Amino acid sequence: MLAEKLSTAIELGEANTRVRDYVDVYTLVARNDPDRDAVRTALGATTAHRGVEVRRLSEVIGELAERRDGAYRAFRRRLGGDGDGLPETFAEVVAVVVEFADSLVDGPPSPSQLTDDAAGVAGG
């Protein structure tokens, strides 16, 4: 489910109207510690199956956080007490989702990067 929602977010970019998808991803990421390698693999398979180019979410969402903030606030109000644990603004939700999604696309550091970092070598 996480990979499907992230694939949709990447595909739709700024045109995404699915506030709930962002809230779902936020909730899963903020309250759990998803296995990034497993989600990265699932995201690769999902985007390949859908024909979606894998891109950093931060590069495709534009002004989504600002444009959908009103819809998010309305969604949060409809949740009543169930929405109390969610951030006040959609920008806060989007920031967590973007950080997680971008980390999947960026991937783990290569072994040479880890070795260089440990040795204090700049620039790899």
PDB file of N, CA and C in Angstrom:
ATOM      1  N   MET A   1       0.815  -1.189   0.000  1.00  0.00           N
ATOM      2  CA  MET A   1       0.000   0.000   0.000  1.00  0.00           C
ATOM      3  C   MET A   1       0.868   1.265   0.000  1.00  0.00           C
ATOM      4  N   LEU A   2       1.937   1.268   0.784  1.00  0.00           N
ATOM      5  CA  LEU A   2       2.809   2.433   0.867  1.00  0.00           C
ATOM      6  C   LEU A   2       3.432   2.741  -0.488  1.00  0.00           C
ATOM      7  N   ALA A   3       3.922   1.718  -1.167  1.00  0.00           N
ATOM      8  CA  ALA A   3       4.533   1.918  -2.483  1.00  0.00           C
ATOM      9  C   ALA A   3       3.512   2.420  -3.496  1.00  0.00           C
ATOM     10  N   GLU A   4       2.291   1.922  -3.422  1.00  0.00           N
ATOM     11  CA  GLU A   4       1.246   2.366  -4.350  1.00  0.00           C
ATOM     12  C   GLU A   4       0.912   3.837  -4.140  1.00  0.00           C
ATOM     13  N   LYS A   5       0.803   4.257  -2.894  1.00  0.00           N
ATOM     14  CA  LYS A   5       0.486   5.657  -2.605  1.00  0.00           C
ATOM     15  C   LYS A   5       1.634   6.577  -3.012  1.00  0.00           C
ATOM     16  N   LEU A   6       2.863   6.135  -2.784  1.00  0.00           N
ATOM     17  CA  LEU A   6       4.010   6.946  -3.187  1.00  0.00           C
ATOM     18  C   LEU A   6       4.136   7.016  -4.704  1.00  0.00           C
ATOM     19  N   SER A   7       3.869   5.910  -5.388  1.00  0.00           N
ATOM     20  CA  SER A   7       3.889   5.905  -6.845  1.00  0.00           C
ATOM     21  C   SER A   7       2.861   6.888  -7.398  1.00  0.00           C
ATOM     22  N   THR A   8       1.671   6.882  -6.814  1.00  0.00           N
ATOM     23  CA  THR A   8       0.621   7.814  -7.235  1.00  0.00           C
ATOM     24  C   THR A   8       1.049   9.250  -6.975  1.00  0.00           C
ATOM     25  N   ALA A   9       1.648   9.505  -5.822  1.00  0.00           N
ATOM     26  CA  ALA A   9       2.102  10.860  -5.492  1.00  0.00           C
ATOM     27  C   ALA A   9       3.141  11.346  -6.497  1.00  0.00           C
ATOM     28  N   ILE A  10       4.063  10.477  -6.864  1.00  0.00           N
ATOM     29  CA  ILE A  10       5.095  10.840  -7.844  1.00  0.00           C
ATOM     30  C   ILE A  10       4.461  11.079  -9.210  1.00  0.00           C
ATOM     31  N   GLU A  11       3.550  10.204  -9.600  1.00  0.00           N
ATOM     32  CA  GLU A  11       2.911  10.315 -10.912  1.00  0.00           C
ATOM     33  C   GLU A  11       2.073  11.588 -11.035  1.00  0.00           C
ATOM     34  N   LEU A  12       1.282  11.889 -10.017  1.00  0.00           N
ATOM     35  CA  LEU A  12       0.378  13.041 -10.092  1.00  0.00           C
ATOM     36  C   LEU A  12       1.058  14.360  -9.760  1.00  0.00           C
ATOM     37  N   GLY A  13       2.110  14.312  -8.970  1.00  0.00           N
ATOM     38  CA  GLY A  13       2.835  15.529  -8.622  1.00  0.00           C
ATOM     39  C   GLY A  13       1.933  16.586  -8.022  1.00  0.00           C
ATOM     40  N   GLU A  14       2.046  17.797  -8.530  1.00  0.00           N
ATOM     41  CA  GLU A  14       1.288  18.936  -8.011  1.00  0.00           C
ATOM     42  C   GLU A  14      -0.209  18.810  -8.284  1.00  0.00           C
ATOM     43  N   ALA A  15      -0.588  17.999  -9.255  1.00  0.00           N
ATOM     44  CA  ALA A  15      -2.009  17.833  -9.596  1.00  0.00           C
ATOM     45  C   ALA A  15      -2.739  16.906  -8.620  1.00  0.00           C
ATOM     46  N   ASN A  16      -2.020  16.325  -7.685  1.00  0.00           N
ATOM     47  CA  ASN A  16      -2.613  15.378  -6.742  1.00  0.00           C
ATOM     48  C   ASN A  16      -3.646  16.064  -5.850  1.00  0.00           C
ATOM     49  N   THR A  17      -4.833  15.492  -5.776  1.00  0.00           N
ATOM     50  CA  THR A  17      -5.877  16.013  -4.892  1.00  0.00           C
ATOM     51  C   THR A  17      -6.140  15.054  -3.736  1.00  0.00           C
ATOM     52  N   ARG A  18      -5.335  14.024  -3.628  1.00  0.00           N
ATOM     53  CA  ARG A  18      -5.562  12.961  -2.643  1.00  0.00           C
ATOM     54  C   ARG A  18      -4.891  13.276  -1.306  1.00  0.00           C
ATOM     55  N   VAL A  19      -5.467  14.195  -0.577  1.00  0.00           N
ATOM     56  CA  VAL A  19      -4.945  14.572   0.730  1.00  0.00           C
ATOM     57  C   VAL A  19      -4.854  13.350   1.640  1.00  0.00           C
ATOM     58  N   ARG A  20      -5.863  12.506   1.567  1.00  0.00           N
ATOM     59  CA  ARG A  20      -5.885  11.317   2.429  1.00  0.00           C
ATOM     60  C   ARG A  20      -4.682  10.411   2.173  1.00  0.00           C
ATOM     61  N   ASP A  21      -4.245  10.280   0.920  1.00  0.00           N
ATOM     62  CA  ASP A  21      -3.072   9.455   0.631  1.00  0.00           C
ATOM     63  C   ASP A  21      -1.847   9.982   1.373  1.00  0.00           C
ATOM     64  N   TYR A  22      -1.677  11.298   1.365  1.00  0.00           N
ATOM     65  CA  TYR A  22      -0.545  11.892   2.079  1.00  0.00           C
ATOM     66  C   TYR A  22      -0.669  11.645   3.579  1.00  0.00           C
ATOM     67  N   VAL A  23      -1.882  11.764   4.107  1.00  0.00           N
ATOM     68  CA  VAL A  23      -2.106  11.500   5.532  1.00  0.00           C
ATOM     69  C   VAL A  23      -1.817  10.033   5.848  1.00  0.00           C
ATOM     70  N   ASP A  24      -2.234   9.128   4.984  1.00  0.00           N
ATOM     71  CA  ASP A  24      -1.962   7.703   5.193  1.00  0.00           C
ATOM     72  C   ASP A  24      -0.459   7.431   5.225  1.00  0.00           C
ATOM     73  N   VAL A  25       0.269   7.983   4.265  1.00  0.00           N
ATOM     74  CA  VAL A  25       1.720   7.779   4.230  1.00  0.00           C
ATOM     75  C   VAL A  25       2.355   8.410   5.468  1.00  0.00           C
ATOM     76  N   TYR A  26       1.946   9.634   5.793  1.00  0.00           N
ATOM     77  CA  TYR A  26       2.461  10.308   6.987  1.00  0.00           C
ATOM     78  C   TYR A  26       2.274   9.418   8.217  1.00  0.00           C
ATOM     79  N   THR A  27       1.070   8.896   8.387  1.00  0.00           N
ATOM     80  CA  THR A  27       0.751   8.087   9.559  1.00  0.00           C
ATOM     81  C   THR A  27       1.610   6.826   9.604  1.00  0.00           C
ATOM     82  N   LEU A  28       1.741   6.154   8.478  1.00  0.00           N
ATOM     83  CA  LEU A  28       2.559   4.938   8.432  1.00  0.00           C
ATOM     84  C   LEU A  28       4.026   5.223   8.740  1.00  0.00           C
ATOM     85  N   VAL A  29       4.537   6.318   8.198  1.00  0.00           N
ATOM     86  CA  VAL A  29       5.950   6.649   8.377  1.00  0.00           C
ATOM     87  C   VAL A  29       6.213   7.199   9.781  1.00  0.00           C
ATOM     88  N   ALA A  30       5.331   8.070  10.264  1.00  0.00           N
ATOM     89  CA  ALA A  30       5.548   8.714  11.560  1.00  0.00           C
ATOM     90  C   ALA A  30       5.331   7.764  12.736  1.00  0.00           C
ATOM     91  N   ARG A  31       4.441   6.822  12.583  1.00  0.00           N
ATOM     92  CA  ARG A  31       4.103   5.937  13.707  1.00  0.00           C
ATOM     93  C   ARG A  31       4.803   4.588  13.650  1.00  0.00           C
ATOM     94  N   ASN A  32       5.403   4.285  12.538  1.00  0.00           N
ATOM     95  CA  ASN A  32       6.097   3.012  12.363  1.00  0.00           C
ATOM     96  C   ASN A  32       7.493   3.295  11.857  1.00  0.00           C
ATOM     97  N   ASP A  33       8.243   2.270  11.693  1.00  0.00           N
ATOM     98  CA  ASP A  33       9.571   2.395  11.099  1.00  0.00           C
ATOM     99  C   ASP A  33       9.621   1.445   9.913  1.00  0.00           C
ATOM    100  N   PRO A  34       9.040   1.880   8.774  1.00  0.00           N
ATOM    101  CA  PRO A  34       8.988   0.973   7.624  1.00  0.00           C
ATOM    102  C   PRO A  34      10.390   0.574   7.163  1.00  0.00           C
ATOM    103  N   ASP A  35      10.508  -0.638   6.715  1.00  0.00           N
ATOM    104  CA  ASP A  35      11.760  -1.146   6.160  1.00  0.00           C
ATOM    105  C   ASP A  35      11.984  -0.450   4.818  1.00  0.00           C
ATOM    106  N   ARG A  36      12.902   0.497   4.804  1.00  0.00           N
ATOM    107  CA  ARG A  36      13.116   1.310   3.599  1.00  0.00           C
ATOM    108  C   ARG A  36      13.550   0.471   2.404  1.00  0.00           C
ATOM    109  N   ASP A  37      14.344  -0.546   2.635  1.00  0.00           N
ATOM    110  CA  ASP A  37      14.766  -1.392   1.516  1.00  0.00           C
ATOM    111  C   ASP A  37      13.572  -2.110   0.901  1.00  0.00           C
ATOM    112  N   ALA A  38      12.688  -2.614   1.744  1.00  0.00           N
ATOM    113  CA  ALA A  38      11.498  -3.310   1.242  1.00  0.00           C
ATOM    114  C   ALA A  38      10.574  -2.345   0.506  1.00  0.00           C
ATOM    115  N   VAL A  39      10.392  -1.154   1.066  1.00  0.00           N
ATOM    116  CA  VAL A  39       9.519  -0.166   0.410  1.00  0.00           C
ATOM    117  C   VAL A  39      10.160   0.313  -0.889  1.00  0.00           C
ATOM    118  N   ARG A  40      11.482   0.488  -0.888  1.00  0.00           N
ATOM    119  CA  ARG A  40      12.196   0.904  -2.109  1.00  0.00           C
ATOM    120  C   ARG A  40      11.999  -0.134  -3.213  1.00  0.00           C
ATOM    121  N   THR A  41      12.119  -1.401  -2.868  1.00  0.00           N
ATOM    122  CA  THR A  41      11.922  -2.481  -3.839  1.00  0.00           C
ATOM    123  C   THR A  41      10.490  -2.487  -4.356  1.00  0.00           C
ATOM    124  N   ALA A  42       9.531  -2.352  -3.443  1.00  0.00           N
ATOM    125  CA  ALA A  42       8.113  -2.328  -3.837  1.00  0.00           C
ATOM    126  C   ALA A  42       7.801  -1.107  -4.693  1.00  0.00           C
ATOM    127  N   LEU A  43       8.394   0.038  -4.362  1.00  0.00           N
ATOM    128  CA  LEU A  43       8.172   1.249  -5.161  1.00  0.00           C
ATOM    129  C   LEU A  43       8.718   1.058  -6.573  1.00  0.00           C
ATOM    130  N   GLY A  44       9.892   0.467  -6.688  1.00  0.00           N
ATOM    131  CA  GLY A  44      10.460   0.197  -8.011  1.00  0.00           C
ATOM    132  C   GLY A  44       9.572  -0.715  -8.835  1.00  0.00           C
ATOM    133  N   ALA A  45       9.048  -1.758  -8.210  1.00  0.00           N
ATOM    134  CA  ALA A  45       8.163  -2.692  -8.918  1.00  0.00           C
ATOM    135  C   ALA A  45       6.845  -2.023  -9.298  1.00  0.00           C
ATOM    136  N   THR A  46       6.299  -1.232  -8.386  1.00  0.00           N
ATOM    137  CA  THR A  46       5.011  -0.569  -8.643  1.00  0.00           C
ATOM    138  C   THR A  46       5.128   0.460  -9.755  1.00  0.00           C
ATOM    139  N   THR A  47       6.159   1.291  -9.697  1.00  0.00           N
ATOM    140  CA  THR A  47       6.315   2.313 -10.735  1.00  0.00           C
ATOM    141  C   THR A  47       6.611   1.671 -12.085  1.00  0.00           C
ATOM    142  N   ALA A  48       7.397   0.600 -12.099  1.00  0.00           N
ATOM    143  CA  ALA A  48       7.682  -0.094 -13.360  1.00  0.00           C
ATOM    144  C   ALA A  48       6.400  -0.667 -13.948  1.00  0.00           C
ATOM    145  N   HIS A  49       5.587  -1.291 -13.104  1.00  0.00           N
ATOM    146  CA  HIS A  49       4.323  -1.876 -13.565  1.00  0.00           C
ATOM    147  C   HIS A  49       3.383  -0.803 -14.116  1.00  0.00           C
ATOM    148  N   ARG A  50       3.373   0.354 -13.491  1.00  0.00           N
ATOM    149  CA  ARG A  50       2.481   1.442 -13.906  1.00  0.00           C
ATOM    150  C   ARG A  50       3.068   2.321 -15.009  1.00  0.00           C
ATOM    151  N   GLY A  51       4.334   2.111 -15.318  1.00  0.00           N
ATOM    152  CA  GLY A  51       4.977   2.941 -16.331  1.00  0.00           C
ATOM    153  C   GLY A  51       5.257   4.353 -15.844  1.00  0.00           C
ATOM    154  N   VAL A  52       5.515   4.486 -14.560  1.00  0.00           N
ATOM    155  CA  VAL A  52       5.786   5.786 -13.944  1.00  0.00           C
ATOM    156  C   VAL A  52       7.292   5.948 -13.788  1.00  0.00           C
ATOM    157  N   GLU A  53       7.803   7.089 -14.210  1.00  0.00           N
ATOM    158  CA  GLU A  53       9.218   7.380 -14.027  1.00  0.00           C
ATOM    159  C   GLU A  53       9.478   7.665 -12.552  1.00  0.00           C
ATOM    160  N   VAL A  54      10.457   6.990 -11.979  1.00  0.00           N
ATOM    161  CA  VAL A  54      10.805   7.221 -10.577  1.00  0.00           C
ATOM    162  C   VAL A  54      11.555   8.544 -10.483  1.00  0.00           C
ATOM    163  N   ARG A  55      10.979   9.449  -9.708  1.00  0.00           N
ATOM    164  CA  ARG A  55      11.590  10.770  -9.504  1.00  0.00           C
ATOM    165  C   ARG A  55      11.474  11.134  -8.036  1.00  0.00           C
ATOM    166  N   ARG A  56      12.285  12.088  -7.623  1.00  0.00           N
ATOM    167  CA  ARG A  56      12.178  12.592  -6.253  1.00  0.00           C
ATOM    168  C   ARG A  56      10.841  13.318  -6.128  1.00  0.00           C
ATOM    169  N   LEU A  57      10.110  13.009  -5.084  1.00  0.00           N
ATOM    170  CA  LEU A  57       8.817  13.650  -4.865  1.00  0.00           C
ATOM    171  C   LEU A  57       8.981  15.157  -4.720  1.00  0.00           C
ATOM    172  N   SER A  58      10.063  15.580  -4.101  1.00  0.00           N
ATOM    173  CA  SER A  58      10.305  17.015  -3.911  1.00  0.00           C
ATOM    174  C   SER A  58      10.416  17.759  -5.239  1.00  0.00           C
ATOM    175  N   GLU A  59      10.769  17.059  -6.301  1.00  0.00           N
ATOM    176  CA  GLU A  59      10.928  17.695  -7.612  1.00  0.00           C
ATOM    177  C   GLU A  59       9.624  17.803  -8.390  1.00  0.00           C
ATOM    178  N   VAL A  60       8.582  17.093  -7.960  1.00  0.00           N
ATOM    179  CA  VAL A  60       7.350  17.065  -8.759  1.00  0.00           C
ATOM    180  C   VAL A  60       6.134  17.674  -8.070  1.00  0.00           C
ATOM    181  N   ILE A  61       6.232  17.989  -6.778  1.00  0.00           N
ATOM    182  CA  ILE A  61       5.018  18.441  -6.083  1.00  0.00           C
ATOM    183  C   ILE A  61       4.770  19.938  -6.139  1.00  0.00           C
ATOM    184  N   GLY A  62       5.758  20.717  -6.532  1.00  0.00           N
ATOM    185  CA  GLY A  62       5.542  22.157  -6.656  1.00  0.00           C
ATOM    186  C   GLY A  62       4.959  22.766  -5.393  1.00  0.00           C
ATOM    187  N   GLU A  63       3.834  23.469  -5.552  1.00  0.00           N
ATOM    188  CA  GLU A  63       3.176  24.168  -4.442  1.00  0.00           C
ATOM    189  C   GLU A  63       2.031  23.353  -3.843  1.00  0.00           C
ATOM    190  N   LEU A  64       2.100  22.036  -3.959  1.00  0.00           N
ATOM    191  CA  LEU A  64       1.021  21.171  -3.481  1.00  0.00           C
ATOM    192  C   LEU A  64       0.652  21.446  -2.025  1.00  0.00           C
ATOM    193  N   ALA A  65       1.634  21.570  -1.158  1.00  0.00           N
ATOM    194  CA  ALA A  65       1.353  21.748   0.275  1.00  0.00           C
ATOM    195  C   ALA A  65       0.514  22.993   0.523  1.00  0.00           C
ATOM    196  N   GLU A  66       0.833  24.058  -0.153  1.00  0.00           N
ATOM    197  CA  GLU A  66       0.089  25.303   0.021  1.00  0.00           C
ATOM    198  C   GLU A  66      -1.279  25.230  -0.652  1.00  0.00           C
ATOM    199  N   ARG A  67      -1.319  24.651  -1.831  1.00  0.00           N
ATOM    200  CA  ARG A  67      -2.568  24.601  -2.603  1.00  0.00           C
ATOM    201  C   ARG A  67      -3.619  23.697  -1.975  1.00  0.00           C
ATOM    202  N   ARG A  68      -3.201  22.660  -1.281  1.00  0.00           N
ATOM    203  CA  ARG A  68      -4.148  21.693  -0.716  1.00  0.00           C
ATOM    204  C   ARG A  68      -4.339  21.851   0.794  1.00  0.00           C
ATOM    205  N   ASP A  69      -3.787  22.916   1.375  1.00  0.00           N
ATOM    206  CA  ASP A  69      -3.889  23.089   2.825  1.00  0.00           C
ATOM    207  C   ASP A  69      -5.341  23.222   3.283  1.00  0.00           C
ATOM    208  N   GLY A  70      -6.157  23.945   2.550  1.00  0.00           N
ATOM    209  CA  GLY A  70      -7.571  24.085   2.915  1.00  0.00           C
ATOM    210  C   GLY A  70      -8.295  22.751   2.901  1.00  0.00           C
ATOM    211  N   ALA A  71      -8.020  21.945   1.879  1.00  0.00           N
ATOM    212  CA  ALA A  71      -8.636  20.615   1.792  1.00  0.00           C
ATOM    213  C   ALA A  71      -8.166  19.739   2.951  1.00  0.00           C
ATOM    214  N   TYR A  72      -6.889  19.873   3.306  1.00  0.00           N
ATOM    215  CA  TYR A  72      -6.356  19.097   4.429  1.00  0.00           C
ATOM    216  C   TYR A  72      -7.038  19.495   5.733  1.00  0.00           C
ATOM    217  N   ARG A  73      -7.169  20.791   5.950  1.00  0.00           N
ATOM    218  CA  ARG A  73      -7.802  21.256   7.194  1.00  0.00           C
ATOM    219  C   ARG A  73      -9.253  20.769   7.279  1.00  0.00           C
ATOM    220  N   ALA A  74      -9.960  20.782   6.155  1.00  0.00           N
ATOM    221  CA  ALA A  74     -11.342  20.283   6.130  1.00  0.00           C
ATOM    222  C   ALA A  74     -11.365  18.778   6.413  1.00  0.00           C
ATOM    223  N   PHE A  75     -10.443  18.041   5.810  1.00  0.00           N
ATOM    224  CA  PHE A  75     -10.338  16.601   6.043  1.00  0.00           C
ATOM    225  C   PHE A  75     -10.074  16.326   7.523  1.00  0.00           C
ATOM    226  N   ARG A  76      -9.154  17.077   8.087  1.00  0.00           N
ATOM    227  CA  ARG A  76      -8.790  16.906   9.496  1.00  0.00           C
ATOM    228  C   ARG A  76      -9.982  17.199  10.410  1.00  0.00           C
ATOM    229  N   ARG A  77     -10.750  18.232  10.095  1.00  0.00           N
ATOM    230  CA  ARG A  77     -11.952  18.559  10.883  1.00  0.00           C
ATOM    231  C   ARG A  77     -12.963  17.419  10.829  1.00  0.00           C
ATOM    232  N   ARG A  78     -13.142  16.843   9.632  1.00  0.00           N
ATOM    233  CA  ARG A  78     -14.092  15.732   9.472  1.00  0.00           C
ATOM    234  C   ARG A  78     -13.693  14.510  10.297  1.00  0.00           C
ATOM    235  N   LEU A  79     -12.415  14.375  10.568  1.00  0.00           N
ATOM    236  CA  LEU A  79     -11.941  13.249  11.371  1.00  0.00           C
ATOM    237  C   LEU A  79     -12.285  13.410  12.848  1.00  0.00           C
ATOM    238  N   GLY A  80     -12.620  14.613  13.248  1.00  0.00           N
ATOM    239  CA  GLY A  80     -12.933  14.862  14.654  1.00  0.00           C
ATOM    240  C   GLY A  80     -11.734  14.542  15.530  1.00  0.00           C
ATOM    241  N   GLY A  81     -11.985  13.852  16.623  1.00  0.00           N
ATOM    242  CA  GLY A  81     -10.918  13.497  17.556  1.00  0.00           C
ATOM    243  C   GLY A  81      -9.851  12.610  16.953  1.00  0.00           C
ATOM    244  N   ASP A  82     -10.197  11.855  15.915  1.00  0.00           N
ATOM    245  CA  ASP A  82      -9.216  10.987  15.259  1.00  0.00           C
ATOM    246  C   ASP A  82      -8.124  11.789  14.557  1.00  0.00           C
ATOM    247  N   GLY A  83      -8.393  13.066  14.276  1.00  0.00           N
ATOM    248  CA  GLY A  83      -7.407  13.902  13.608  1.00  0.00           C
ATOM    249  C   GLY A  83      -6.513  14.671  14.555  1.00  0.00           C
ATOM    250  N   ASP A  84      -6.731  14.498  15.857  1.00  0.00           N
ATOM    251  CA  ASP A  84      -5.962  15.266  16.841  1.00  0.00           C
ATOM    252  C   ASP A  84      -4.464  14.999  16.783  1.00  0.00           C
ATOM    253  N   GLY A  85      -4.055  13.825  16.383  1.00  0.00           N
ATOM    254  CA  GLY A  85      -2.635  13.497  16.331  1.00  0.00           C
ATOM    255  C   GLY A  85      -1.941  13.948  15.060  1.00  0.00           C
ATOM    256  N   LEU A  86      -2.702  14.537  14.145  1.00  0.00           N
ATOM    257  CA  LEU A  86      -2.120  14.992  12.876  1.00  0.00           C
ATOM    258  C   LEU A  86      -1.595  16.415  13.010  1.00  0.00           C
ATOM    259  N   PRO A  87      -0.602  16.774  12.203  1.00  0.00           N
ATOM    260  CA  PRO A  87      -0.085  18.143  12.223  1.00  0.00           C
ATOM    261  C   PRO A  87      -1.166  19.163  11.868  1.00  0.00           C
ATOM    262  N   GLU A  88      -0.951  20.396  12.276  1.00  0.00           N
ATOM    263  CA  GLU A  88      -1.891  21.481  11.999  1.00  0.00           C
ATOM    264  C   GLU A  88      -1.977  21.803  10.509  1.00  0.00           C
ATOM    265  N   THR A  89      -0.839  21.737   9.812  1.00  0.00           N
ATOM    266  CA  THR A  89      -0.816  22.147   8.407  1.00  0.00           C
ATOM    267  C   THR A  89      -0.453  20.981   7.498  1.00  0.00           C
ATOM    268  N   PHE A  90      -0.914  21.092   6.276  1.00  0.00           N
ATOM    269  CA  PHE A  90      -0.592  20.082   5.273  1.00  0.00           C
ATOM    270  C   PHE A  90       0.898  20.119   4.944  1.00  0.00           C
ATOM    271  N   ALA A  91       1.513  21.286   5.040  1.00  0.00           N
ATOM    272  CA  ALA A  91       2.947  21.403   4.765  1.00  0.00           C
ATOM    273  C   ALA A  91       3.760  20.494   5.681  1.00  0.00           C
ATOM    274  N   GLU A  92       3.326  20.352   6.926  1.00  0.00           N
ATOM    275  CA  GLU A  92       4.031  19.478   7.864  1.00  0.00           C
ATOM    276  C   GLU A  92       3.891  18.014   7.452  1.00  0.00           C
ATOM    277  N   VAL A  93       2.718  17.642   6.992  1.00  0.00           N
ATOM    278  CA  VAL A  93       2.479  16.278   6.510  1.00  0.00           C
ATOM    279  C   VAL A  93       3.348  16.016   5.285  1.00  0.00           C
ATOM    280  N   VAL A  94       3.298  16.935   4.340  1.00  0.00           N
ATOM    281  CA  VAL A  94       4.039  16.787   3.086  1.00  0.00           C
ATOM    282  C   VAL A  94       5.540  16.701   3.348  1.00  0.00           C
ATOM    283  N   ALA A  95       6.048  17.477   4.287  1.00  0.00           N
ATOM    284  CA  ALA A  95       7.485  17.459   4.583  1.00  0.00           C
ATOM    285  C   ALA A  95       7.951  16.070   5.011  1.00  0.00           C
ATOM    286  N   VAL A  96       7.172  15.406   5.847  1.00  0.00           N
ATOM    287  CA  VAL A  96       7.532  14.057   6.303  1.00  0.00           C
ATOM    288  C   VAL A  96       7.461  13.069   5.139  1.00  0.00           C
ATOM    289  N   VAL A  97       6.413  13.168   4.337  1.00  0.00           N
ATOM    290  CA  VAL A  97       6.237  12.262   3.199  1.00  0.00           C
ATOM    291  C   VAL A  97       7.360  12.465   2.183  1.00  0.00           C
ATOM    292  N   VAL A  98       7.692  13.713   1.893  1.00  0.00           N
ATOM    293  CA  VAL A  98       8.749  14.015   0.922  1.00  0.00           C
ATOM    294  C   VAL A  98      10.097  13.487   1.407  1.00  0.00           C
ATOM    295  N   GLU A  99      10.403  13.704   2.674  1.00  0.00           N
ATOM    296  CA  GLU A  99      11.681  13.221   3.207  1.00  0.00           C
ATOM    297  C   GLU A  99      11.785  11.710   3.046  1.00  0.00           C
ATOM    298  N   PHE A 100      10.712  11.015   3.376  1.00  0.00           N
ATOM    299  CA  PHE A 100      10.713   9.555   3.262  1.00  0.00           C
ATOM    300  C   PHE A 100      10.815   9.123   1.799  1.00  0.00           C
ATOM    301  N   ALA A 101       9.974   9.684   0.946  1.00  0.00           N
ATOM    302  CA  ALA A 101       9.952   9.295  -0.470  1.00  0.00           C
ATOM    303  C   ALA A 101      11.284   9.597  -1.149  1.00  0.00           C
ATOM    304  N   ASP A 102      11.828  10.782  -0.902  1.00  0.00           N
ATOM    305  CA  ASP A 102      13.101  11.141  -1.527  1.00  0.00           C
ATOM    306  C   ASP A 102      14.226  10.223  -1.065  1.00  0.00           C
ATOM    307  N   SER A 103      14.182   9.802   0.200  1.00  0.00           N
ATOM    308  CA  SER A 103      15.227   8.896   0.692  1.00  0.00           C
ATOM    309  C   SER A 103      15.175   7.551  -0.028  1.00  0.00           C
ATOM    310  N   LEU A 104      13.984   7.147  -0.457  1.00  0.00           N
ATOM    311  CA  LEU A 104      13.850   5.891  -1.206  1.00  0.00           C
ATOM    312  C   LEU A 104      14.443   6.026  -2.598  1.00  0.00           C
ATOM    313  N   VAL A 105      14.176   7.153  -3.230  1.00  0.00           N
ATOM    314  CA  VAL A 105      14.664   7.385  -4.589  1.00  0.00           C
ATOM    315  C   VAL A 105      16.173   7.598  -4.580  1.00  0.00           C
ATOM    316  N   ASP A 106      16.651   8.330  -3.578  1.00  0.00           N
ATOM    317  CA  ASP A 106      18.089   8.582  -3.481  1.00  0.00           C
ATOM    318  C   ASP A 106      18.851   7.302  -3.179  1.00  0.00           C
ATOM    319  N   GLY A 107      18.196   6.389  -2.491  1.00  0.00           N
ATOM    320  CA  GLY A 107      18.805   5.104  -2.182  1.00  0.00           C
ATOM    321  C   GLY A 107      19.823   5.200  -1.070  1.00  0.00           C
ATOM    322  N   PRO A 108      20.255   4.045  -0.616  1.00  0.00           N
ATOM    323  CA  PRO A 108      21.275   4.025   0.432  1.00  0.00           C
ATOM    324  C   PRO A 108      22.617   4.438  -0.158  1.00  0.00           C
ATOM    325  N   PRO A 109      23.512   4.937   0.675  1.00  0.00           N
ATOM    326  CA  PRO A 109      24.837   5.283   0.153  1.00  0.00           C
ATOM    327  C   PRO A 109      25.559   4.037  -0.338  1.00  0.00           C
ATOM    328  N   SER A 110      26.371   4.229  -1.357  1.00  0.00           N
ATOM    329  CA  SER A 110      27.147   3.106  -1.879  1.00  0.00           C
ATOM    330  C   SER A 110      28.231   2.740  -0.866  1.00  0.00           C
ATOM    331  N   PRO A 111      28.757   1.520  -0.952  1.00  0.00           N
ATOM    332  CA  PRO A 111      29.834   1.127  -0.032  1.00  0.00           C
ATOM    333  C   PRO A 111      31.029   2.073  -0.096  1.00  0.00           C
ATOM    334  N   SER A 112      31.351   2.586  -1.287  1.00  0.00           N
ATOM    335  CA  SER A 112      32.489   3.505  -1.388  1.00  0.00           C
ATOM    336  C   SER A 112      32.186   4.828  -0.691  1.00  0.00           C
ATOM    337  N   GLN A 113      30.923   5.284  -0.746  1.00  0.00           N
ATOM    338  CA  GLN A 113      30.561   6.510  -0.037  1.00  0.00           C
ATOM    339  C   GLN A 113      30.700   6.311   1.467  1.00  0.00           C
ATOM    340  N   LEU A 114      30.281   5.149   1.960  1.00  0.00           N
ATOM    341  CA  LEU A 114      30.395   4.874   3.388  1.00  0.00           C
ATOM    342  C   LEU A 114      31.858   4.839   3.813  1.00  0.00           C
ATOM    343  N   THR A 115      32.711   4.214   3.002  1.00  0.00           N
ATOM    344  CA  THR A 115      34.133   4.127   3.304  1.00  0.00           C
ATOM    345  C   THR A 115      34.762   5.510   3.290  1.00  0.00           C
ATOM    346  N   ASP A 116      34.432   6.312   2.264  1.00  0.00           N
ATOM    347  CA  ASP A 116      34.978   7.660   2.162  1.00  0.00           C
ATOM    348  C   ASP A 116      34.511   8.527   3.326  1.00  0.00           C
ATOM    349  N   ASP A 117      33.233   8.417   3.677  1.00  0.00           N
ATOM    350  CA  ASP A 117      32.699   9.203   4.788  1.00  0.00           C
ATOM    351  C   ASP A 117      33.396   8.830   6.091  1.00  0.00           C
ATOM    352  N   ALA A 118      33.604   7.541   6.300  1.00  0.00           N
ATOM    353  CA  ALA A 118      34.247   7.082   7.527  1.00  0.00           C
ATOM    354  C   ALA A 118      35.696   7.554   7.596  1.00  0.00           C
ATOM    355  N   ALA A 119      36.336   7.665   6.435  1.00  0.00           N
ATOM    356  CA  ALA A 119      37.726   8.099   6.385  1.00  0.00           C
ATOM    357  C   ALA A 119      37.849   9.619   6.382  1.00  0.00           C
ATOM    358  N   GLY A 120      36.717  10.311   6.301  1.00  0.00           N
ATOM    359  CA  GLY A 120      36.746  11.768   6.289  1.00  0.00           C
ATOM    360  C   GLY A 120      37.108  12.349   4.942  1.00  0.00           C
ATOM    361  N   VAL A 121      36.902  11.601   3.884  1.00  0.00           N
ATOM    362  CA  VAL A 121      37.224  12.058   2.539  1.00  0.00           C
ATOM    363  C   VAL A 121      36.026  12.801   1.972  1.00  0.00           C
ATOM    364  N   ALA A 122      36.228  13.996   1.502  1.00  0.00           N
ATOM    365  CA  ALA A 122      35.144  14.781   0.905  1.00  0.00           C
ATOM    366  C   ALA A 122      35.027  14.465  -0.567  1.00  0.00           C
ATOM    367  N   GLY A 123      33.794  14.446  -1.044  1.00  0.00           N
ATOM    368  CA  GLY A 123      33.555  14.324  -2.475  1.00  0.00           C
ATOM    369  C   GLY A 123      33.611  12.918  -3.015  1.00  0.00           C
ATOM    370  N   GLY A 124      33.836  11.897  -2.192  1.00  0.00           N
ATOM    371  CA  GLY A 124      33.771  10.504  -2.619  1.00  0.00           C
ATOM    372  C   GLY A 124      34.821  10.153  -3.512  1.00  0.00           C
TER     373      GLY A 124
END
